[in-house]
Amino acid sequence: MTIILYRTRLCPRCHMARKHLLDLTRHRPDLIVEEREILRDLIAAGRDGITMIPAIRIGDRVLSGIYLHRQRIENFLHQTGCL
């Protein structure tokens, strides 16, 4: 299953969300974390329904917010059947 992380390298909140996501998926080789730098293609991010970063997309479900703490990401992964 592919998990898409929308982020920008300049965002410290994105860096923390990335760290938490990679920690949570580290022991799951069946999960692929794909990172998308939104500054490279804002229009595509908008088409994907991304209005705020950091954002995590799994299928048609999106989790985004000012601060995505570890427990919130973990809950989202459980809700979408990844964990």
N, C-alpha and C. Protein backbone atom coordinates (compact mmCIF):
# COMPACT_ATOMS: atom_id res chain seq x y z
N MET A 1 0.85 -1.18 0.00
CA MET A 1 0.00 0.00 0.00
C MET A 1 0.89 1.24 0.00
N THR A 2 0.46 2.25 -0.73
CA THR A 2 1.24 3.48 -0.83
C THR A 2 0.64 4.56 0.06
N ILE A 3 1.51 5.18 0.83
CA ILE A 3 1.15 6.30 1.68
C ILE A 3 1.88 7.52 1.10
N ILE A 4 1.14 8.58 0.83
CA ILE A 4 1.75 9.77 0.24
C ILE A 4 1.84 10.86 1.31
N LEU A 5 3.04 11.38 1.50
CA LEU A 5 3.28 12.48 2.42
C LEU A 5 3.52 13.73 1.59
N TYR A 6 2.64 14.70 1.74
CA TYR A 6 2.80 15.99 1.08
C TYR A 6 3.51 16.90 2.07
N ARG A 7 4.59 17.51 1.58
CA ARG A 7 5.41 18.32 2.48
C ARG A 7 6.25 19.29 1.67
N THR A 8 6.97 20.11 2.41
CA THR A 8 8.00 20.93 1.81
C THR A 8 9.21 20.86 2.73
N ARG A 9 10.38 20.92 2.15
CA ARG A 9 11.61 20.79 2.95
C ARG A 9 11.79 21.95 3.92
N LEU A 10 11.13 23.05 3.68
CA LEU A 10 11.29 24.24 4.52
C LEU A 10 10.42 24.22 5.77
N CYS A 11 9.55 23.25 5.88
CA CYS A 11 8.54 23.20 6.95
C CYS A 11 8.99 22.30 8.10
N PRO A 12 9.23 22.86 9.29
CA PRO A 12 9.63 22.01 10.42
C PRO A 12 8.52 21.06 10.87
N ARG A 13 7.27 21.46 10.71
CA ARG A 13 6.15 20.58 11.07
C ARG A 13 6.09 19.38 10.15
N CYS A 14 6.44 19.61 8.87
CA CYS A 14 6.49 18.52 7.89
C CYS A 14 7.61 17.54 8.24
N HIS A 15 8.71 18.08 8.69
CA HIS A 15 9.85 17.24 9.09
C HIS A 15 9.45 16.31 10.24
N MET A 16 8.74 16.84 11.22
CA MET A 16 8.31 16.01 12.35
C MET A 16 7.28 14.97 11.92
N ALA A 17 6.34 15.36 11.07
CA ALA A 17 5.34 14.40 10.59
C ALA A 17 6.03 13.29 9.80
N ARG A 18 7.01 13.64 9.00
CA ARG A 18 7.78 12.65 8.23
C ARG A 18 8.48 11.67 9.16
N LYS A 19 9.13 12.21 10.20
CA LYS A 19 9.83 11.36 11.17
C LYS A 19 8.86 10.38 11.82
N HIS A 20 7.71 10.88 12.28
CA HIS A 20 6.72 10.00 12.92
C HIS A 20 6.21 8.94 11.94
N LEU A 21 5.90 9.35 10.72
CA LEU A 21 5.38 8.42 9.72
C LEU A 21 6.39 7.33 9.40
N LEU A 22 7.63 7.72 9.20
CA LEU A 22 8.67 6.73 8.90
C LEU A 22 8.93 5.81 10.08
N ASP A 23 8.87 6.34 11.30
CA ASP A 23 9.03 5.49 12.50
C ASP A 23 7.91 4.46 12.59
N LEU A 24 6.69 4.89 12.31
CA LEU A 24 5.53 4.00 12.42
C LEU A 24 5.50 2.93 11.33
N THR A 25 6.07 3.21 10.18
CA THR A 25 6.02 2.27 9.06
C THR A 25 7.34 1.52 8.84
N ARG A 26 8.30 1.77 9.67
CA ARG A 26 9.65 1.21 9.50
C ARG A 26 9.66 -0.31 9.37
N HIS A 27 8.84 -1.00 10.13
CA HIS A 27 8.86 -2.46 10.15
C HIS A 27 7.79 -3.07 9.24
N ARG A 28 7.28 -2.27 8.33
CA ARG A 28 6.24 -2.74 7.41
C ARG A 28 6.72 -2.58 5.97
N PRO A 29 7.44 -3.57 5.43
CA PRO A 29 7.96 -3.46 4.06
C PRO A 29 6.86 -3.39 3.00
N ASP A 30 5.63 -3.77 3.36
CA ASP A 30 4.53 -3.71 2.40
C ASP A 30 3.97 -2.30 2.25
N LEU A 31 4.38 -1.38 3.13
CA LEU A 31 3.93 0.01 3.05
C LEU A 31 5.01 0.86 2.39
N ILE A 32 4.63 1.58 1.37
CA ILE A 32 5.56 2.44 0.65
C ILE A 32 5.20 3.89 0.97
N VAL A 33 6.15 4.62 1.52
CA VAL A 33 5.94 6.03 1.80
C VAL A 33 6.53 6.84 0.65
N GLU A 34 5.65 7.51 -0.06
CA GLU A 34 6.06 8.36 -1.18
C GLU A 34 5.97 9.82 -0.72
N GLU A 35 7.02 10.57 -0.90
CA GLU A 35 7.04 11.97 -0.47
C GLU A 35 6.86 12.86 -1.69
N ARG A 36 5.99 13.85 -1.54
CA ARG A 36 5.76 14.81 -2.62
C ARG A 36 6.05 16.21 -2.11
N GLU A 37 6.97 16.85 -2.76
CA GLU A 37 7.35 18.23 -2.46
C GLU A 37 6.32 19.13 -3.14
N ILE A 38 5.43 19.75 -2.36
CA ILE A 38 4.33 20.48 -2.98
C ILE A 38 4.77 21.75 -3.69
N LEU A 39 5.91 22.30 -3.32
CA LEU A 39 6.37 23.51 -4.00
C LEU A 39 6.74 23.26 -5.45
N ARG A 40 6.98 22.02 -5.79
CA ARG A 40 7.30 21.67 -7.18
C ARG A 40 6.06 21.65 -8.06
N ASP A 41 4.89 21.34 -7.47
CA ASP A 41 3.67 21.26 -8.26
C ASP A 41 2.45 21.53 -7.39
N LEU A 42 2.18 22.81 -7.16
CA LEU A 42 1.04 23.20 -6.33
C LEU A 42 -0.29 22.81 -6.96
N ILE A 43 -0.38 22.86 -8.26
CA ILE A 43 -1.64 22.53 -8.94
C ILE A 43 -1.98 21.05 -8.73
N ALA A 44 -1.00 20.18 -8.85
CA ALA A 44 -1.24 18.75 -8.64
C ALA A 44 -1.65 18.48 -7.19
N ALA A 45 -1.01 19.15 -6.25
CA ALA A 45 -1.39 18.98 -4.84
C ALA A 45 -2.83 19.41 -4.62
N GLY A 46 -3.23 20.52 -5.24
CA GLY A 46 -4.61 20.98 -5.14
C GLY A 46 -5.59 19.99 -5.74
N ARG A 47 -5.22 19.41 -6.88
CA ARG A 47 -6.08 18.38 -7.51
C ARG A 47 -6.22 17.16 -6.60
N ASP A 48 -5.18 16.89 -5.81
CA ASP A 48 -5.22 15.75 -4.89
C ASP A 48 -5.99 16.07 -3.61
N GLY A 49 -6.49 17.30 -3.49
CA GLY A 49 -7.28 17.69 -2.32
C GLY A 49 -6.45 18.19 -1.15
N ILE A 50 -5.21 18.54 -1.41
CA ILE A 50 -4.33 18.99 -0.34
C ILE A 50 -4.45 20.51 -0.20
N THR A 51 -4.87 20.95 0.96
CA THR A 51 -5.03 22.38 1.21
C THR A 51 -4.12 22.87 2.31
N MET A 52 -3.48 21.95 3.01
CA MET A 52 -2.61 22.30 4.13
C MET A 52 -1.53 21.24 4.24
N ILE A 53 -0.34 21.67 4.64
CA ILE A 53 0.73 20.70 4.88
C ILE A 53 1.15 20.80 6.34
N PRO A 54 1.65 19.73 6.90
CA PRO A 54 1.82 18.42 6.31
C PRO A 54 0.48 17.73 6.08
N ALA A 55 0.49 16.83 5.10
CA ALA A 55 -0.70 16.04 4.81
C ALA A 55 -0.27 14.63 4.44
N ILE A 56 -1.07 13.67 4.86
CA ILE A 56 -0.83 12.27 4.54
C ILE A 56 -2.06 11.76 3.82
N ARG A 57 -1.83 11.13 2.67
CA ARG A 57 -2.95 10.60 1.89
C ARG A 57 -2.78 9.11 1.70
N ILE A 58 -3.86 8.39 1.99
CA ILE A 58 -3.92 6.95 1.77
C ILE A 58 -5.22 6.70 1.02
N GLY A 59 -5.10 6.30 -0.22
CA GLY A 59 -6.29 6.14 -1.05
C GLY A 59 -6.97 7.47 -1.24
N ASP A 60 -8.24 7.55 -0.87
CA ASP A 60 -8.96 8.81 -1.00
C ASP A 60 -9.11 9.54 0.34
N ARG A 61 -8.44 9.04 1.37
CA ARG A 61 -8.51 9.67 2.69
C ARG A 61 -7.27 10.51 2.94
N VAL A 62 -7.48 11.69 3.54
CA VAL A 62 -6.39 12.63 3.79
C VAL A 62 -6.41 13.05 5.25
N LEU A 63 -5.23 13.06 5.84
CA LEU A 63 -5.03 13.60 7.18
C LEU A 63 -4.11 14.80 7.03
N SER A 64 -4.56 15.95 7.52
CA SER A 64 -3.70 17.13 7.49
C SER A 64 -3.99 17.98 8.71
N GLY A 65 -3.09 18.86 9.00
CA GLY A 65 -3.29 19.74 10.14
C GLY A 65 -2.04 20.56 10.40
N ILE A 66 -2.19 21.52 11.27
CA ILE A 66 -1.05 22.37 11.63
C ILE A 66 0.06 21.52 12.23
N TYR A 67 -0.32 20.61 13.12
CA TYR A 67 0.68 19.75 13.75
C TYR A 67 0.13 18.33 13.78
N LEU A 68 0.78 17.42 13.11
CA LEU A 68 0.38 16.01 13.12
C LEU A 68 1.28 15.26 14.09
N HIS A 69 0.79 15.10 15.30
CA HIS A 69 1.59 14.38 16.28
C HIS A 69 1.51 12.87 16.04
N ARG A 70 2.41 12.16 16.65
CA ARG A 70 2.57 10.73 16.39
C ARG A 70 1.27 9.93 16.60
N GLN A 71 0.56 10.21 17.67
CA GLN A 71 -0.66 9.45 17.97
C GLN A 71 -1.73 9.69 16.91
N ARG A 72 -1.83 10.90 16.42
CA ARG A 72 -2.82 11.20 15.39
C ARG A 72 -2.48 10.46 14.08
N ILE A 73 -1.21 10.42 13.73
CA ILE A 73 -0.78 9.69 12.53
C ILE A 73 -1.04 8.20 12.71
N GLU A 74 -0.69 7.68 13.89
CA GLU A 74 -0.91 6.26 14.16
C GLU A 74 -2.39 5.91 14.08
N ASN A 75 -3.25 6.74 14.65
CA ASN A 75 -4.70 6.50 14.58
C ASN A 75 -5.18 6.47 13.12
N PHE A 76 -4.68 7.41 12.31
CA PHE A 76 -5.04 7.46 10.89
C PHE A 76 -4.60 6.19 10.17
N LEU A 77 -3.40 5.72 10.45
CA LEU A 77 -2.91 4.50 9.83
C LEU A 77 -3.76 3.29 10.22
N HIS A 78 -4.22 3.25 11.47
CA HIS A 78 -5.10 2.18 11.91
C HIS A 78 -6.46 2.27 11.21
N GLN A 79 -7.01 3.48 11.11
CA GLN A 79 -8.32 3.68 10.48
C GLN A 79 -8.33 3.28 9.01
N THR A 80 -7.20 3.45 8.36
CA THR A 80 -7.12 3.13 6.94
C THR A 80 -6.63 1.70 6.69
N GLY A 81 -6.40 0.96 7.76
CA GLY A 81 -6.00 -0.44 7.63
C GLY A 81 -4.53 -0.67 7.37
N CYS A 82 -3.72 0.35 7.53
CA CYS A 82 -2.27 0.19 7.30
C CYS A 82 -1.55 -0.48 8.47
N LEU A 83 -2.05 -0.26 9.66
CA LEU A 83 -1.42 -0.86 10.85
C LEU A 83 -2.39 -1.79 11.54
